[in-house]
Protein backbone atom coordinates (compact mmCIF):
# COMPACT_ATOMS: atom_id res chain seq x y z
CA UNK A 1 0.00 0.00 0.00
CA UNK A 2 1.18 3.51 -0.83
CA UNK A 3 -0.13 6.37 1.31
CA UNK A 4 0.52 10.09 1.34
CA UNK A 5 0.04 11.54 4.83
CA UNK A 6 -0.55 15.29 4.81
CA UNK A 7 -1.79 18.11 7.03
CA UNK A 8 -5.49 18.20 6.19
CA UNK A 9 -5.82 21.75 7.56
CA UNK A 10 -3.09 23.17 5.32
CA UNK A 11 -4.10 24.76 2.02
CA UNK A 12 -0.62 24.26 0.55
CA UNK A 13 -0.69 20.57 1.52
CA UNK A 14 -4.17 20.13 0.05
CA UNK A 15 -3.02 21.72 -3.22
CA UNK A 16 -0.09 19.29 -3.28
CA UNK A 17 -2.52 16.37 -2.94
CA UNK A 18 -4.58 17.83 -5.80
CA UNK A 19 -1.43 17.97 -7.97
CA UNK A 20 -0.85 14.26 -7.32
CA UNK A 21 -4.49 13.41 -8.08
CA UNK A 22 -4.39 15.37 -11.34
CA UNK A 23 -1.03 14.05 -12.54
CA UNK A 24 -0.60 10.47 -11.35
CA UNK A 25 0.16 7.73 -13.85
CA UNK A 26 -1.86 5.11 -12.02
CA UNK A 27 -4.31 5.23 -9.15
CA UNK A 28 -2.36 3.28 -6.57
CA UNK A 29 -1.68 6.04 -4.05
CA UNK A 30 -4.01 6.56 -1.11
CA UNK A 31 -4.26 9.68 1.03
CA UNK A 32 -4.75 10.34 4.73
CA UNK A 33 -4.85 13.55 6.68
CA UNK A 34 -2.44 13.41 9.60
CA UNK A 35 -5.33 14.44 11.85
CA UNK A 36 -7.44 11.42 10.83
CA UNK A 37 -8.07 8.43 13.07
CA UNK A 38 -6.58 6.27 10.34
CA UNK A 39 -3.26 8.17 10.35
CA UNK A 40 -3.01 8.30 14.14
CA UNK A 41 -3.67 4.56 14.42
CA UNK A 42 -1.38 3.75 11.48
CA UNK A 43 1.57 5.56 13.05
CA UNK A 44 0.96 3.73 16.35
CA UNK A 45 0.58 0.32 14.69
CA UNK A 46 3.83 0.81 12.73
CA UNK A 47 5.65 1.96 15.90
CA UNK A 48 6.41 5.31 14.29
CA UNK A 49 6.91 8.51 16.27
CA UNK A 50 3.92 10.82 16.52
CA UNK A 51 3.48 12.66 13.23
CA UNK A 52 4.77 16.21 12.87
CA UNK A 53 2.03 18.29 11.22
CA UNK A 54 4.62 20.30 9.26
CA UNK A 55 6.03 17.16 7.64
CA UNK A 56 4.97 15.31 4.52
CA UNK A 57 5.05 11.52 4.86
CA UNK A 58 4.91 8.84 2.18
CA UNK A 59 4.39 5.21 3.13
CA UNK A 60 5.80 3.14 0.27
CA UNK A 61 4.96 -0.51 0.87
CA UNK A 62 6.75 -1.07 4.20
CA UNK A 63 8.86 2.06 4.56
CA UNK A 64 8.03 5.57 5.74
CA UNK A 65 9.72 8.40 3.87
CA UNK A 66 9.41 11.98 4.98
CA UNK A 67 10.16 15.51 3.90
CA UNK A 68 12.11 15.79 0.64
CA UNK A 69 12.71 12.03 0.32
CA UNK A 70 8.99 11.37 0.44
CA UNK A 71 8.20 14.18 -1.98
CA UNK A 72 10.83 13.02 -4.47
CA UNK A 73 9.64 9.41 -4.29
CA UNK A 74 6.12 10.54 -5.22
CA UNK A 75 7.50 11.95 -8.48
CA UNK A 76 8.04 8.38 -9.74
CA UNK A 77 4.27 7.98 -9.78
CA UNK A 78 3.55 11.20 -11.69
CA UNK A 79 3.30 11.87 -15.40
CA UNK A 80 5.67 13.96 -17.49
CA UNK A 81 6.78 16.72 -16.87
CA UNK A 82 6.46 16.31 -13.07
CA UNK A 83 8.71 13.24 -13.10
CA UNK A 84 11.56 15.43 -14.37
CA UNK A 85 11.76 17.02 -10.92
CA UNK A 86 13.49 13.82 -9.77
CA UNK A 87 16.64 15.70 -10.68
CA UNK A 88 16.28 16.96 -7.11
CA UNK A 89 17.98 13.74 -6.01
CA UNK A 90 21.23 15.36 -7.16
CA UNK A 91 20.96 17.81 -4.25
CA UNK A 92 22.30 16.38 -0.98
CA UNK A 93 19.54 15.29 1.39
CA UNK A 94 20.45 17.73 4.16
CA UNK A 95 20.16 20.68 1.72
CA UNK A 96 16.87 19.38 0.31
CA UNK A 97 15.47 19.06 3.81
CA UNK A 98 16.63 22.58 4.70
CA UNK A 99 14.70 23.86 1.66
CA UNK A 100 11.77 21.67 2.66
CA UNK A 101 11.78 23.09 6.21
CA UNK A 102 11.97 26.64 4.85
CA UNK A 103 8.82 26.06 2.79
CA UNK A 104 7.08 24.05 5.53
CA UNK A 105 7.44 26.95 8.00
CA UNK A 106 5.71 29.24 5.50
CA UNK A 107 3.19 26.78 4.09
CA UNK A 108 0.14 28.38 5.70
CA UNK A 109 1.09 31.75 4.22
CA UNK A 110 1.79 30.29 0.76
CA UNK A 111 -1.74 29.00 0.35
CA UNK A 112 -4.81 29.31 2.52
CA UNK A 113 -8.31 27.97 2.36
CA UNK A 114 -7.89 25.25 -0.24
CA UNK A 115 -9.71 21.97 0.16
CA UNK A 116 -9.15 18.88 -1.99
CA UNK A 117 -12.26 18.05 -3.99
CA UNK A 118 -11.77 14.49 -5.15
CA UNK A 119 -13.93 12.95 -7.82
CA UNK A 120 -16.32 10.20 -6.70
CA UNK A 121 -13.84 7.48 -7.76
CA UNK A 122 -10.98 9.25 -5.98
CA UNK A 123 -12.89 9.53 -2.68
CA UNK A 124 -12.35 5.83 -1.97
CA UNK A 125 -8.60 6.46 -1.81
CA UNK A 126 -8.92 8.93 1.09
CA UNK A 127 -8.46 6.94 4.29
CA UNK A 128 -10.29 8.13 7.37
C-alpha atoms as a PDB file:
ATOM      1  CA  UNK A   1       0.000   0.000   0.000  1.00  0.00           C
ATOM      2  CA  UNK A   2       1.177   3.512  -0.830  1.00  0.00           C
ATOM      3  CA  UNK A   3      -0.127   6.371   1.310  1.00  0.00           C
ATOM      4  CA  UNK A   4       0.516  10.094   1.340  1.00  0.00           C
ATOM      5  CA  UNK A   5       0.038  11.544   4.826  1.00  0.00           C
ATOM      6  CA  UNK A   6      -0.554  15.293   4.810  1.00  0.00           C
ATOM      7  CA  UNK A   7      -1.789  18.113   7.032  1.00  0.00           C
ATOM      8  CA  UNK A   8      -5.491  18.204   6.190  1.00  0.00           C
ATOM      9  CA  UNK A   9      -5.824  21.747   7.561  1.00  0.00           C
ATOM     10  CA  UNK A  10      -3.087  23.168   5.324  1.00  0.00           C
ATOM     11  CA  UNK A  11      -4.101  24.763   2.018  1.00  0.00           C
ATOM     12  CA  UNK A  12      -0.615  24.263   0.552  1.00  0.00           C
ATOM     13  CA  UNK A  13      -0.691  20.571   1.518  1.00  0.00           C
ATOM     14  CA  UNK A  14      -4.166  20.130   0.046  1.00  0.00           C
ATOM     15  CA  UNK A  15      -3.016  21.721  -3.215  1.00  0.00           C
ATOM     16  CA  UNK A  16      -0.089  19.286  -3.282  1.00  0.00           C
ATOM     17  CA  UNK A  17      -2.523  16.375  -2.937  1.00  0.00           C
ATOM     18  CA  UNK A  18      -4.580  17.826  -5.796  1.00  0.00           C
ATOM     19  CA  UNK A  19      -1.429  17.975  -7.972  1.00  0.00           C
ATOM     20  CA  UNK A  20      -0.846  14.259  -7.318  1.00  0.00           C
ATOM     21  CA  UNK A  21      -4.488  13.405  -8.081  1.00  0.00           C
ATOM     22  CA  UNK A  22      -4.388  15.368 -11.338  1.00  0.00           C
ATOM     23  CA  UNK A  23      -1.027  14.054 -12.545  1.00  0.00           C
ATOM     24  CA  UNK A  24      -0.600  10.474 -11.350  1.00  0.00           C
ATOM     25  CA  UNK A  25       0.164   7.727 -13.855  1.00  0.00           C
ATOM     26  CA  UNK A  26      -1.860   5.115 -12.018  1.00  0.00           C
ATOM     27  CA  UNK A  27      -4.315   5.232  -9.154  1.00  0.00           C
ATOM     28  CA  UNK A  28      -2.359   3.275  -6.574  1.00  0.00           C
ATOM     29  CA  UNK A  29      -1.677   6.043  -4.048  1.00  0.00           C
ATOM     30  CA  UNK A  30      -4.014   6.561  -1.111  1.00  0.00           C
ATOM     31  CA  UNK A  31      -4.255   9.682   1.029  1.00  0.00           C
ATOM     32  CA  UNK A  32      -4.750  10.338   4.728  1.00  0.00           C
ATOM     33  CA  UNK A  33      -4.852  13.552   6.684  1.00  0.00           C
ATOM     34  CA  UNK A  34      -2.438  13.411   9.597  1.00  0.00           C
ATOM     35  CA  UNK A  35      -5.328  14.439  11.850  1.00  0.00           C
ATOM     36  CA  UNK A  36      -7.440  11.424  10.831  1.00  0.00           C
ATOM     37  CA  UNK A  37      -8.067   8.434  13.071  1.00  0.00           C
ATOM     38  CA  UNK A  38      -6.580   6.267  10.340  1.00  0.00           C
ATOM     39  CA  UNK A  39      -3.260   8.169  10.352  1.00  0.00           C
ATOM     40  CA  UNK A  40      -3.007   8.302  14.136  1.00  0.00           C
ATOM     41  CA  UNK A  41      -3.671   4.563  14.419  1.00  0.00           C
ATOM     42  CA  UNK A  42      -1.381   3.748  11.478  1.00  0.00           C
ATOM     43  CA  UNK A  43       1.571   5.559  13.048  1.00  0.00           C
ATOM     44  CA  UNK A  44       0.964   3.733  16.348  1.00  0.00           C
ATOM     45  CA  UNK A  45       0.584   0.318  14.689  1.00  0.00           C
ATOM     46  CA  UNK A  46       3.825   0.812  12.728  1.00  0.00           C
ATOM     47  CA  UNK A  47       5.653   1.958  15.896  1.00  0.00           C
ATOM     48  CA  UNK A  48       6.413   5.315  14.286  1.00  0.00           C
ATOM     49  CA  UNK A  49       6.913   8.512  16.274  1.00  0.00           C
ATOM     50  CA  UNK A  50       3.922  10.824  16.524  1.00  0.00           C
ATOM     51  CA  UNK A  51       3.481  12.664  13.231  1.00  0.00           C
ATOM     52  CA  UNK A  52       4.771  16.205  12.872  1.00  0.00           C
ATOM     53  CA  UNK A  53       2.032  18.290  11.217  1.00  0.00           C
ATOM     54  CA  UNK A  54       4.615  20.295   9.256  1.00  0.00           C
ATOM     55  CA  UNK A  55       6.025  17.163   7.637  1.00  0.00           C
ATOM     56  CA  UNK A  56       4.973  15.307   4.522  1.00  0.00           C
ATOM     57  CA  UNK A  57       5.052  11.522   4.856  1.00  0.00           C
ATOM     58  CA  UNK A  58       4.908   8.839   2.182  1.00  0.00           C
ATOM     59  CA  UNK A  59       4.392   5.207   3.129  1.00  0.00           C
ATOM     60  CA  UNK A  60       5.798   3.145   0.266  1.00  0.00           C
ATOM     61  CA  UNK A  61       4.962  -0.510   0.868  1.00  0.00           C
ATOM     62  CA  UNK A  62       6.750  -1.074   4.196  1.00  0.00           C
ATOM     63  CA  UNK A  63       8.856   2.059   4.562  1.00  0.00           C
ATOM     64  CA  UNK A  64       8.028   5.573   5.742  1.00  0.00           C
ATOM     65  CA  UNK A  65       9.720   8.399   3.868  1.00  0.00           C
ATOM     66  CA  UNK A  66       9.407  11.981   4.985  1.00  0.00           C
ATOM     67  CA  UNK A  67      10.157  15.515   3.901  1.00  0.00           C
ATOM     68  CA  UNK A  68      12.113  15.788   0.637  1.00  0.00           C
ATOM     69  CA  UNK A  69      12.714  12.030   0.319  1.00  0.00           C
ATOM     70  CA  UNK A  70       8.988  11.371   0.439  1.00  0.00           C
ATOM     71  CA  UNK A  71       8.201  14.177  -1.984  1.00  0.00           C
ATOM     72  CA  UNK A  72      10.832  13.025  -4.467  1.00  0.00           C
ATOM     73  CA  UNK A  73       9.641   9.411  -4.291  1.00  0.00           C
ATOM     74  CA  UNK A  74       6.118  10.535  -5.223  1.00  0.00           C
ATOM     75  CA  UNK A  75       7.497  11.951  -8.478  1.00  0.00           C
ATOM     76  CA  UNK A  76       8.036   8.382  -9.742  1.00  0.00           C
ATOM     77  CA  UNK A  77       4.266   7.984  -9.783  1.00  0.00           C
ATOM     78  CA  UNK A  78       3.550  11.200 -11.694  1.00  0.00           C
ATOM     79  CA  UNK A  79       3.303  11.868 -15.403  1.00  0.00           C
ATOM     80  CA  UNK A  80       5.671  13.959 -17.488  1.00  0.00           C
ATOM     81  CA  UNK A  81       6.779  16.724 -16.873  1.00  0.00           C
ATOM     82  CA  UNK A  82       6.457  16.311 -13.074  1.00  0.00           C
ATOM     83  CA  UNK A  83       8.707  13.245 -13.099  1.00  0.00           C
ATOM     84  CA  UNK A  84      11.560  15.432 -14.372  1.00  0.00           C
ATOM     85  CA  UNK A  85      11.757  17.019 -10.922  1.00  0.00           C
ATOM     86  CA  UNK A  86      13.489  13.819  -9.766  1.00  0.00           C
ATOM     87  CA  UNK A  87      16.636  15.702 -10.682  1.00  0.00           C
ATOM     88  CA  UNK A  88      16.277  16.965  -7.108  1.00  0.00           C
ATOM     89  CA  UNK A  89      17.981  13.742  -6.009  1.00  0.00           C
ATOM     90  CA  UNK A  90      21.231  15.360  -7.157  1.00  0.00           C
ATOM     91  CA  UNK A  91      20.960  17.809  -4.249  1.00  0.00           C
ATOM     92  CA  UNK A  92      22.304  16.377  -0.975  1.00  0.00           C
ATOM     93  CA  UNK A  93      19.537  15.290   1.386  1.00  0.00           C
ATOM     94  CA  UNK A  94      20.450  17.729   4.159  1.00  0.00           C
ATOM     95  CA  UNK A  95      20.160  20.677   1.719  1.00  0.00           C
ATOM     96  CA  UNK A  96      16.873  19.375   0.310  1.00  0.00           C
ATOM     97  CA  UNK A  97      15.466  19.061   3.810  1.00  0.00           C
ATOM     98  CA  UNK A  98      16.627  22.585   4.700  1.00  0.00           C
ATOM     99  CA  UNK A  99      14.701  23.856   1.657  1.00  0.00           C
ATOM    100  CA  UNK A 100      11.768  21.665   2.663  1.00  0.00           C
ATOM    101  CA  UNK A 101      11.781  23.086   6.209  1.00  0.00           C
ATOM    102  CA  UNK A 102      11.972  26.641   4.852  1.00  0.00           C
ATOM    103  CA  UNK A 103       8.817  26.057   2.792  1.00  0.00           C
ATOM    104  CA  UNK A 104       7.083  24.053   5.534  1.00  0.00           C
ATOM    105  CA  UNK A 105       7.438  26.946   7.996  1.00  0.00           C
ATOM    106  CA  UNK A 106       5.705  29.242   5.500  1.00  0.00           C
ATOM    107  CA  UNK A 107       3.187  26.784   4.086  1.00  0.00           C
ATOM    108  CA  UNK A 108       0.143  28.377   5.704  1.00  0.00           C
ATOM    109  CA  UNK A 109       1.092  31.751   4.220  1.00  0.00           C
ATOM    110  CA  UNK A 110       1.788  30.286   0.758  1.00  0.00           C
ATOM    111  CA  UNK A 111      -1.745  29.001   0.351  1.00  0.00           C
ATOM    112  CA  UNK A 112      -4.809  29.314   2.516  1.00  0.00           C
ATOM    113  CA  UNK A 113      -8.313  27.972   2.364  1.00  0.00           C
ATOM    114  CA  UNK A 114      -7.889  25.253  -0.244  1.00  0.00           C
ATOM    115  CA  UNK A 115      -9.710  21.968   0.161  1.00  0.00           C
ATOM    116  CA  UNK A 116      -9.147  18.885  -1.986  1.00  0.00           C
ATOM    117  CA  UNK A 117     -12.264  18.053  -3.988  1.00  0.00           C
ATOM    118  CA  UNK A 118     -11.765  14.486  -5.151  1.00  0.00           C
ATOM    119  CA  UNK A 119     -13.934  12.948  -7.816  1.00  0.00           C
ATOM    120  CA  UNK A 120     -16.323  10.196  -6.698  1.00  0.00           C
ATOM    121  CA  UNK A 121     -13.842   7.482  -7.761  1.00  0.00           C
ATOM    122  CA  UNK A 122     -10.976   9.253  -5.979  1.00  0.00           C
ATOM    123  CA  UNK A 123     -12.890   9.532  -2.682  1.00  0.00           C
ATOM    124  CA  UNK A 124     -12.346   5.832  -1.974  1.00  0.00           C
ATOM    125  CA  UNK A 125      -8.604   6.457  -1.806  1.00  0.00           C
ATOM    126  CA  UNK A 126      -8.920   8.929   1.090  1.00  0.00           C
ATOM    127  CA  UNK A 127      -8.462   6.936   4.289  1.00  0.00           C
ATOM    128  CA  UNK A 128     -10.294   8.134   7.368  1.00  0.00           C
END
